[in-house]
Amino acid sequence: MNPSAATAEELLALANERQSAGDAAAALAAYQRALPLLTREAQPHARARALFQMAQLARMEGDVAGAFACYDELLPLADDIGDRRAHGLGVAMRGQLVFLQGDKTAGLQAMIRGLAELRGCNAPEAEHSPATPASSAAACRAQSSSSASRWPPRMPS
């Protein structure tokens, strides 16, 4: 792959490869290069997944402001494309970051809202959810025009 002429798909593959290898910094850099190629209009679902992964990786790298920026772009995008699962994950994870930054009340409230959204579409991430993975993916797809089965993206290890 020629790094200067890489496609969004090649950069996403590189990001996944680097993330799987435990190289969060390189994965984040690849996602940052891919993001401008993943336009909100043409590839909103891929952009949402990249933003979520970037937020998680930024957290791992200690870039709190970067993580907030990614969550803050992800949330309205997930709402606009009707992806309840992505929105719920974003709200919960952003809430956790708020909590860890010291605003315990706002953080807990956001985590609870995110969990409620996840439970609302029977997402498997909702702890103690009675849904099976197959029925939860179907419920999320029924509430979303997106391919909810691709959420969440693989979490950094």
N, C-alpha and C. Protein backbone atom coordinates (compact mmCIF):
# COMPACT_ATOMS: atom_id res chain seq x y z
N MET A 1 0.85 -1.18 0.00
CA MET A 1 0.00 0.00 0.00
C MET A 1 0.90 1.24 0.00
N ASN A 2 0.61 2.14 -0.92
CA ASN A 2 1.30 3.42 -0.97
C ASN A 2 0.61 4.33 0.05
N PRO A 3 1.27 4.64 1.17
CA PRO A 3 0.60 5.40 2.25
C PRO A 3 -0.01 6.72 1.80
N SER A 4 0.62 7.40 0.86
CA SER A 4 0.09 8.71 0.46
C SER A 4 -1.12 8.60 -0.45
N ALA A 5 -1.31 7.45 -1.07
CA ALA A 5 -2.45 7.28 -1.98
C ALA A 5 -3.42 6.21 -1.49
N ALA A 6 -3.40 5.93 -0.22
CA ALA A 6 -4.24 4.86 0.33
C ALA A 6 -5.72 5.24 0.30
N THR A 7 -6.54 4.24 0.07
CA THR A 7 -7.99 4.44 0.12
C THR A 7 -8.47 4.36 1.56
N ALA A 8 -9.70 4.78 1.77
CA ALA A 8 -10.29 4.68 3.11
C ALA A 8 -10.29 3.23 3.58
N GLU A 9 -10.63 2.32 2.68
CA GLU A 9 -10.69 0.90 3.05
C GLU A 9 -9.31 0.37 3.45
N GLU A 10 -8.27 0.79 2.71
CA GLU A 10 -6.91 0.36 3.06
C GLU A 10 -6.49 0.93 4.41
N LEU A 11 -6.83 2.18 4.64
CA LEU A 11 -6.47 2.80 5.92
C LEU A 11 -7.23 2.16 7.08
N LEU A 12 -8.50 1.81 6.86
CA LEU A 12 -9.26 1.13 7.92
C LEU A 12 -8.68 -0.25 8.19
N ALA A 13 -8.27 -0.95 7.14
CA ALA A 13 -7.64 -2.26 7.32
C ALA A 13 -6.34 -2.11 8.10
N LEU A 14 -5.56 -1.09 7.76
CA LEU A 14 -4.31 -0.83 8.49
C LEU A 14 -4.61 -0.51 9.97
N ALA A 15 -5.62 0.30 10.20
CA ALA A 15 -5.99 0.64 11.58
C ALA A 15 -6.38 -0.61 12.35
N ASN A 16 -7.18 -1.47 11.74
CA ASN A 16 -7.58 -2.72 12.41
C ASN A 16 -6.38 -3.61 12.68
N GLU A 17 -5.48 -3.70 11.71
CA GLU A 17 -4.28 -4.52 11.87
C GLU A 17 -3.41 -4.00 13.02
N ARG A 18 -3.19 -2.69 13.06
CA ARG A 18 -2.37 -2.08 14.11
C ARG A 18 -3.04 -2.23 15.47
N GLN A 19 -4.37 -2.08 15.49
CA GLN A 19 -5.10 -2.23 16.74
C GLN A 19 -5.00 -3.67 17.24
N SER A 20 -5.14 -4.63 16.34
CA SER A 20 -5.02 -6.04 16.72
C SER A 20 -3.63 -6.37 17.25
N ALA A 21 -2.64 -5.65 16.74
CA ALA A 21 -1.26 -5.87 17.19
C ALA A 21 -0.96 -5.12 18.49
N GLY A 22 -1.94 -4.36 18.99
CA GLY A 22 -1.75 -3.64 20.24
C GLY A 22 -1.06 -2.30 20.09
N ASP A 23 -0.96 -1.80 18.87
CA ASP A 23 -0.32 -0.51 18.61
C ASP A 23 -1.39 0.56 18.47
N ALA A 24 -1.85 1.05 19.62
CA ALA A 24 -2.96 2.01 19.65
C ALA A 24 -2.59 3.31 18.93
N ALA A 25 -1.37 3.78 19.09
CA ALA A 25 -0.97 5.04 18.46
C ALA A 25 -1.01 4.94 16.94
N ALA A 26 -0.49 3.84 16.39
CA ALA A 26 -0.50 3.66 14.94
C ALA A 26 -1.92 3.45 14.42
N ALA A 27 -2.73 2.74 15.18
CA ALA A 27 -4.13 2.54 14.78
C ALA A 27 -4.86 3.87 14.74
N LEU A 28 -4.66 4.67 15.78
CA LEU A 28 -5.31 5.98 15.83
C LEU A 28 -4.85 6.86 14.67
N ALA A 29 -3.58 6.82 14.35
CA ALA A 29 -3.06 7.61 13.22
C ALA A 29 -3.70 7.17 11.90
N ALA A 30 -3.89 5.86 11.72
CA ALA A 30 -4.53 5.38 10.49
C ALA A 30 -5.99 5.80 10.43
N TYR A 31 -6.69 5.72 11.55
CA TYR A 31 -8.08 6.20 11.58
C TYR A 31 -8.14 7.70 11.28
N GLN A 32 -7.20 8.46 11.82
CA GLN A 32 -7.19 9.91 11.57
C GLN A 32 -6.98 10.21 10.10
N ARG A 33 -6.18 9.41 9.43
CA ARG A 33 -5.97 9.59 7.99
C ARG A 33 -7.19 9.15 7.19
N ALA A 34 -7.90 8.15 7.67
CA ALA A 34 -9.08 7.64 6.96
C ALA A 34 -10.29 8.55 7.12
N LEU A 35 -10.40 9.20 8.26
CA LEU A 35 -11.63 9.96 8.57
C LEU A 35 -12.01 10.98 7.50
N PRO A 36 -11.10 11.79 6.97
CA PRO A 36 -11.51 12.75 5.94
C PRO A 36 -12.05 12.09 4.67
N LEU A 37 -11.68 10.84 4.45
CA LEU A 37 -12.17 10.10 3.27
C LEU A 37 -13.54 9.50 3.51
N LEU A 38 -13.94 9.40 4.76
CA LEU A 38 -15.24 8.82 5.13
C LEU A 38 -16.21 9.96 5.38
N THR A 39 -16.80 10.45 4.32
CA THR A 39 -17.66 11.63 4.48
C THR A 39 -18.98 11.26 5.15
N ARG A 40 -19.50 12.22 5.83
CA ARG A 40 -20.78 12.07 6.53
C ARG A 40 -21.90 11.74 5.55
N GLU A 41 -21.81 12.30 4.35
CA GLU A 41 -22.86 12.12 3.36
C GLU A 41 -22.75 10.77 2.65
N ALA A 42 -21.54 10.39 2.25
CA ALA A 42 -21.37 9.18 1.45
C ALA A 42 -21.19 7.91 2.28
N GLN A 43 -20.53 8.03 3.43
CA GLN A 43 -20.23 6.83 4.23
C GLN A 43 -20.48 7.10 5.71
N PRO A 44 -21.71 7.46 6.07
CA PRO A 44 -21.95 7.83 7.47
C PRO A 44 -21.74 6.69 8.46
N HIS A 45 -22.07 5.46 8.08
CA HIS A 45 -21.91 4.34 9.01
C HIS A 45 -20.44 4.02 9.26
N ALA A 46 -19.65 4.04 8.19
CA ALA A 46 -18.21 3.80 8.34
C ALA A 46 -17.57 4.93 9.14
N ARG A 47 -18.03 6.15 8.91
CA ARG A 47 -17.50 7.30 9.66
C ARG A 47 -17.84 7.14 11.14
N ALA A 48 -19.06 6.72 11.45
CA ALA A 48 -19.47 6.53 12.84
C ALA A 48 -18.61 5.47 13.52
N ARG A 49 -18.38 4.35 12.84
CA ARG A 49 -17.53 3.30 13.42
C ARG A 49 -16.12 3.80 13.66
N ALA A 50 -15.58 4.57 12.69
CA ALA A 50 -14.22 5.10 12.84
C ALA A 50 -14.16 6.08 14.01
N LEU A 51 -15.17 6.93 14.14
CA LEU A 51 -15.18 7.88 15.25
C LEU A 51 -15.22 7.17 16.60
N PHE A 52 -16.02 6.10 16.70
CA PHE A 52 -16.08 5.36 17.95
C PHE A 52 -14.72 4.76 18.27
N GLN A 53 -14.10 4.12 17.28
CA GLN A 53 -12.80 3.51 17.50
C GLN A 53 -11.76 4.58 17.86
N MET A 54 -11.81 5.71 17.18
CA MET A 54 -10.87 6.79 17.49
C MET A 54 -11.04 7.29 18.92
N ALA A 55 -12.28 7.41 19.36
CA ALA A 55 -12.54 7.84 20.74
C ALA A 55 -11.93 6.85 21.73
N GLN A 56 -12.16 5.56 21.48
CA GLN A 56 -11.63 4.55 22.38
C GLN A 56 -10.10 4.55 22.39
N LEU A 57 -9.51 4.67 21.21
CA LEU A 57 -8.05 4.69 21.12
C LEU A 57 -7.47 5.95 21.75
N ALA A 58 -8.12 7.08 21.54
CA ALA A 58 -7.65 8.33 22.15
C ALA A 58 -7.65 8.19 23.67
N ARG A 59 -8.68 7.55 24.21
CA ARG A 59 -8.73 7.30 25.66
C ARG A 59 -7.52 6.48 26.09
N MET A 60 -7.24 5.43 25.33
CA MET A 60 -6.11 4.57 25.67
C MET A 60 -4.79 5.33 25.64
N GLU A 61 -4.70 6.29 24.75
CA GLU A 61 -3.48 7.08 24.60
C GLU A 61 -3.44 8.27 25.55
N GLY A 62 -4.49 8.43 26.37
CA GLY A 62 -4.53 9.53 27.33
C GLY A 62 -4.96 10.86 26.75
N ASP A 63 -5.50 10.85 25.55
CA ASP A 63 -5.95 12.07 24.88
C ASP A 63 -7.44 12.28 25.18
N VAL A 64 -7.72 12.80 26.35
CA VAL A 64 -9.11 12.99 26.79
C VAL A 64 -9.85 13.96 25.87
N ALA A 65 -9.21 15.07 25.52
CA ALA A 65 -9.86 16.05 24.63
C ALA A 65 -10.16 15.43 23.27
N GLY A 66 -9.24 14.63 22.76
CA GLY A 66 -9.47 13.95 21.48
C GLY A 66 -10.62 12.96 21.57
N ALA A 67 -10.71 12.25 22.67
CA ALA A 67 -11.81 11.30 22.86
C ALA A 67 -13.14 12.03 22.91
N PHE A 68 -13.21 13.11 23.67
CA PHE A 68 -14.45 13.89 23.74
C PHE A 68 -14.83 14.42 22.35
N ALA A 69 -13.85 14.90 21.59
CA ALA A 69 -14.13 15.43 20.26
C ALA A 69 -14.74 14.35 19.37
N CYS A 70 -14.21 13.14 19.45
CA CYS A 70 -14.75 12.04 18.63
C CYS A 70 -16.16 11.66 19.08
N TYR A 71 -16.37 11.52 20.38
CA TYR A 71 -17.72 11.21 20.86
C TYR A 71 -18.70 12.32 20.47
N ASP A 72 -18.25 13.57 20.57
CA ASP A 72 -19.14 14.69 20.27
C ASP A 72 -19.51 14.77 18.80
N GLU A 73 -18.67 14.25 17.93
CA GLU A 73 -19.06 14.16 16.51
C GLU A 73 -19.89 12.90 16.27
N LEU A 74 -19.55 11.82 16.95
CA LEU A 74 -20.26 10.55 16.77
C LEU A 74 -21.74 10.65 17.15
N LEU A 75 -22.03 11.26 18.29
CA LEU A 75 -23.40 11.22 18.81
C LEU A 75 -24.44 11.83 17.87
N PRO A 76 -24.25 13.04 17.34
CA PRO A 76 -25.27 13.55 16.40
C PRO A 76 -25.30 12.75 15.10
N LEU A 77 -24.16 12.23 14.67
CA LEU A 77 -24.14 11.42 13.45
C LEU A 77 -24.94 10.14 13.66
N ALA A 78 -24.71 9.45 14.75
CA ALA A 78 -25.46 8.22 15.04
C ALA A 78 -26.95 8.51 15.14
N ASP A 79 -27.30 9.64 15.73
CA ASP A 79 -28.69 10.05 15.83
C ASP A 79 -29.28 10.31 14.44
N ASP A 80 -28.54 11.03 13.61
CA ASP A 80 -29.00 11.35 12.26
C ASP A 80 -29.22 10.11 11.40
N ILE A 81 -28.36 9.11 11.54
CA ILE A 81 -28.51 7.90 10.72
C ILE A 81 -29.41 6.86 11.38
N GLY A 82 -29.92 7.19 12.57
CA GLY A 82 -30.86 6.31 13.25
C GLY A 82 -30.25 5.07 13.85
N ASP A 83 -28.97 5.12 14.15
CA ASP A 83 -28.30 3.95 14.72
C ASP A 83 -28.34 4.05 16.24
N ARG A 84 -29.37 3.47 16.83
CA ARG A 84 -29.59 3.54 18.28
C ARG A 84 -28.47 2.85 19.06
N ARG A 85 -27.98 1.76 18.52
CA ARG A 85 -26.93 1.03 19.21
C ARG A 85 -25.65 1.86 19.28
N ALA A 86 -25.25 2.45 18.17
CA ALA A 86 -24.06 3.29 18.14
C ALA A 86 -24.24 4.49 19.07
N HIS A 87 -25.44 5.06 19.05
CA HIS A 87 -25.70 6.22 19.89
C HIS A 87 -25.63 5.83 21.37
N GLY A 88 -26.25 4.72 21.72
CA GLY A 88 -26.22 4.27 23.11
C GLY A 88 -24.81 3.98 23.59
N LEU A 89 -24.01 3.33 22.75
CA LEU A 89 -22.62 3.06 23.12
C LEU A 89 -21.84 4.36 23.30
N GLY A 90 -22.06 5.29 22.38
CA GLY A 90 -21.36 6.57 22.47
C GLY A 90 -21.73 7.34 23.72
N VAL A 91 -23.03 7.37 24.04
CA VAL A 91 -23.49 8.08 25.24
C VAL A 91 -22.89 7.43 26.49
N ALA A 92 -22.94 6.11 26.55
CA ALA A 92 -22.42 5.41 27.74
C ALA A 92 -20.91 5.59 27.90
N MET A 93 -20.17 5.45 26.81
CA MET A 93 -18.72 5.56 26.91
C MET A 93 -18.28 7.00 27.16
N ARG A 94 -18.98 7.96 26.57
CA ARG A 94 -18.68 9.36 26.85
C ARG A 94 -18.99 9.67 28.32
N GLY A 95 -20.10 9.11 28.81
CA GLY A 95 -20.45 9.28 30.21
C GLY A 95 -19.40 8.72 31.15
N GLN A 96 -18.85 7.58 30.78
CA GLN A 96 -17.79 7.00 31.59
C GLN A 96 -16.58 7.94 31.64
N LEU A 97 -16.27 8.55 30.52
CA LEU A 97 -15.15 9.49 30.48
C LEU A 97 -15.43 10.73 31.33
N VAL A 98 -16.67 11.22 31.26
CA VAL A 98 -17.07 12.36 32.10
C VAL A 98 -16.89 11.98 33.58
N PHE A 99 -17.35 10.79 33.94
CA PHE A 99 -17.23 10.28 35.30
C PHE A 99 -15.76 10.25 35.72
N LEU A 100 -14.91 9.69 34.85
CA LEU A 100 -13.48 9.56 35.17
C LEU A 100 -12.78 10.91 35.26
N GLN A 101 -13.36 11.92 34.63
CA GLN A 101 -12.79 13.26 34.70
C GLN A 101 -13.26 14.02 35.93
N GLY A 102 -14.12 13.39 36.75
CA GLY A 102 -14.48 13.98 38.03
C GLY A 102 -15.92 14.41 38.19
N ASP A 103 -16.69 14.49 37.11
CA ASP A 103 -18.09 14.87 37.24
C ASP A 103 -18.91 13.59 37.40
N LYS A 104 -18.91 13.07 38.61
CA LYS A 104 -19.52 11.77 38.89
C LYS A 104 -21.01 11.75 38.56
N THR A 105 -21.73 12.79 38.94
CA THR A 105 -23.18 12.81 38.73
C THR A 105 -23.53 12.80 37.24
N ALA A 106 -22.94 13.73 36.48
CA ALA A 106 -23.23 13.80 35.04
C ALA A 106 -22.77 12.54 34.34
N GLY A 107 -21.63 12.02 34.75
CA GLY A 107 -21.12 10.80 34.14
C GLY A 107 -22.04 9.61 34.36
N LEU A 108 -22.48 9.43 35.60
CA LEU A 108 -23.40 8.33 35.90
C LEU A 108 -24.72 8.48 35.15
N GLN A 109 -25.24 9.70 35.10
CA GLN A 109 -26.50 9.93 34.39
C GLN A 109 -26.36 9.57 32.91
N ALA A 110 -25.24 9.96 32.29
CA ALA A 110 -25.02 9.64 30.89
C ALA A 110 -24.85 8.13 30.68
N MET A 111 -24.11 7.48 31.57
CA MET A 111 -23.95 6.03 31.45
C MET A 111 -25.29 5.33 31.55
N ILE A 112 -26.16 5.77 32.44
CA ILE A 112 -27.48 5.17 32.60
C ILE A 112 -28.33 5.41 31.35
N ARG A 113 -28.25 6.64 30.79
CA ARG A 113 -28.99 6.93 29.54
C ARG A 113 -28.51 6.04 28.41
N GLY A 114 -27.20 5.89 28.29
CA GLY A 114 -26.64 5.03 27.24
C GLY A 114 -27.08 3.59 27.42
N LEU A 115 -27.03 3.10 28.64
CA LEU A 115 -27.46 1.73 28.92
C LEU A 115 -28.94 1.55 28.59
N ALA A 116 -29.76 2.55 28.91
CA ALA A 116 -31.18 2.47 28.58
C ALA A 116 -31.39 2.40 27.07
N GLU A 117 -30.60 3.18 26.32
CA GLU A 117 -30.70 3.11 24.85
C GLU A 117 -30.31 1.73 24.36
N LEU A 118 -29.24 1.17 24.91
CA LEU A 118 -28.80 -0.15 24.50
C LEU A 118 -29.84 -1.21 24.83
N ARG A 119 -30.43 -1.10 26.01
CA ARG A 119 -31.49 -2.04 26.38
C ARG A 119 -32.70 -1.86 25.48
N GLY A 120 -32.97 -0.61 25.07
CA GLY A 120 -34.12 -0.33 24.21
C GLY A 120 -34.07 -1.02 22.87
N CYS A 121 -32.85 -1.31 22.39
CA CYS A 121 -32.75 -2.05 21.13
C CYS A 121 -32.17 -3.45 21.37
N ASN A 122 -32.23 -3.88 22.61
CA ASN A 122 -31.77 -5.22 23.00
C ASN A 122 -30.34 -5.51 22.55
N ALA A 123 -29.49 -4.50 22.63
CA ALA A 123 -28.08 -4.68 22.25
C ALA A 123 -27.40 -5.61 23.24
N PRO A 124 -26.53 -6.46 22.76
CA PRO A 124 -25.86 -7.41 23.66
C PRO A 124 -24.97 -6.73 24.70
N GLU A 125 -24.59 -5.47 24.45
CA GLU A 125 -23.76 -4.75 25.41
C GLU A 125 -24.52 -4.35 26.67
N ALA A 126 -25.85 -4.40 26.61
CA ALA A 126 -26.67 -4.04 27.77
C ALA A 126 -26.61 -5.21 28.76
N GLU A 127 -25.89 -5.00 29.84
CA GLU A 127 -25.72 -6.08 30.81
C GLU A 127 -27.06 -6.57 31.33
N HIS A 128 -27.12 -7.81 31.63
CA HIS A 128 -28.32 -8.45 32.15
C HIS A 128 -29.48 -8.41 31.17
N SER A 129 -29.17 -8.21 29.89
CA SER A 129 -30.22 -8.20 28.87
C SER A 129 -30.66 -9.63 28.62
N PRO A 130 -31.96 -9.89 28.63
CA PRO A 130 -32.43 -11.25 28.40
C PRO A 130 -32.33 -11.65 26.94
N ALA A 131 -32.00 -10.73 26.06
CA ALA A 131 -31.97 -11.02 24.63
C ALA A 131 -30.78 -11.89 24.27
N THR A 132 -30.96 -12.70 23.25
CA THR A 132 -29.85 -13.46 22.69
C THR A 132 -29.17 -12.57 21.66
N PRO A 133 -27.92 -12.86 21.31
CA PRO A 133 -27.24 -12.02 20.32
C PRO A 133 -28.02 -11.92 19.00
N ALA A 134 -28.61 -13.01 18.54
CA ALA A 134 -29.35 -12.97 17.27
C ALA A 134 -30.58 -12.07 17.37
N SER A 135 -31.34 -12.20 18.46
CA SER A 135 -32.54 -11.37 18.58
C SER A 135 -32.18 -9.92 18.86
N SER A 136 -31.06 -9.68 19.56
CA SER A 136 -30.69 -8.29 19.83
C SER A 136 -30.23 -7.59 18.57
N ALA A 137 -29.50 -8.29 17.71
CA ALA A 137 -29.08 -7.67 16.46
C ALA A 137 -30.29 -7.36 15.59
N ALA A 138 -31.27 -8.27 15.58
CA ALA A 138 -32.48 -8.04 14.79
C ALA A 138 -33.25 -6.85 15.33
N ALA A 139 -33.34 -6.71 16.63
CA ALA A 139 -34.07 -5.58 17.23
C ALA A 139 -33.37 -4.26 16.91
N CYS A 140 -32.06 -4.25 16.97
CA CYS A 140 -31.33 -3.02 16.64
C CYS A 140 -31.50 -2.67 15.17
N ARG A 141 -31.45 -3.68 14.31
CA ARG A 141 -31.65 -3.41 12.88
C ARG A 141 -33.05 -2.91 12.62
N ALA A 142 -34.02 -3.42 13.35
CA ALA A 142 -35.40 -2.99 13.14
C ALA A 142 -35.58 -1.53 13.51
N GLN A 143 -34.78 -1.03 14.45
CA GLN A 143 -34.88 0.37 14.87
C GLN A 143 -33.93 1.26 14.11
N SER A 144 -33.16 0.70 13.20
CA SER A 144 -32.13 1.48 12.54
C SER A 144 -32.03 1.09 11.09
N SER A 145 -31.77 2.04 10.24
CA SER A 145 -31.56 1.74 8.84
C SER A 145 -30.14 1.25 8.60
N SER A 146 -29.29 1.30 9.63
CA SER A 146 -27.90 0.88 9.48
C SER A 146 -27.78 -0.61 9.68
N SER A 147 -26.59 -1.09 9.43
CA SER A 147 -26.27 -2.48 9.70
C SER A 147 -25.79 -2.57 11.14
N ALA A 148 -26.71 -2.66 12.06
CA ALA A 148 -26.37 -2.63 13.49
C ALA A 148 -25.52 -3.82 13.90
N SER A 149 -25.53 -4.89 13.11
CA SER A 149 -24.73 -6.05 13.50
C SER A 149 -23.24 -5.74 13.49
N ARG A 150 -22.83 -4.64 12.86
CA ARG A 150 -21.42 -4.28 12.86
C ARG A 150 -21.05 -3.47 14.08
N TRP A 151 -21.98 -3.18 14.96
CA TRP A 151 -21.70 -2.43 16.18
C TRP A 151 -21.67 -3.38 17.33
N PRO A 152 -20.85 -3.22 18.29
CA PRO A 152 -19.81 -2.20 18.30
C PRO A 152 -18.65 -2.65 17.45
N PRO A 153 -17.85 -1.73 17.00
CA PRO A 153 -16.63 -2.13 16.35
C PRO A 153 -15.75 -2.83 17.38
N ARG A 154 -14.78 -3.55 16.89
CA ARG A 154 -13.89 -4.26 17.80
C ARG A 154 -13.26 -3.29 18.78
N MET A 155 -13.36 -3.60 20.05
CA MET A 155 -12.82 -2.74 21.09
C MET A 155 -11.32 -2.95 21.21
N PRO A 156 -10.58 -1.88 21.49
CA PRO A 156 -9.13 -2.03 21.69
C PRO A 156 -8.85 -2.93 22.89
N SER A 157 -7.80 -3.71 22.75
CA SER A 157 -7.44 -4.60 23.88
C SER A 157 -6.46 -3.94 24.80
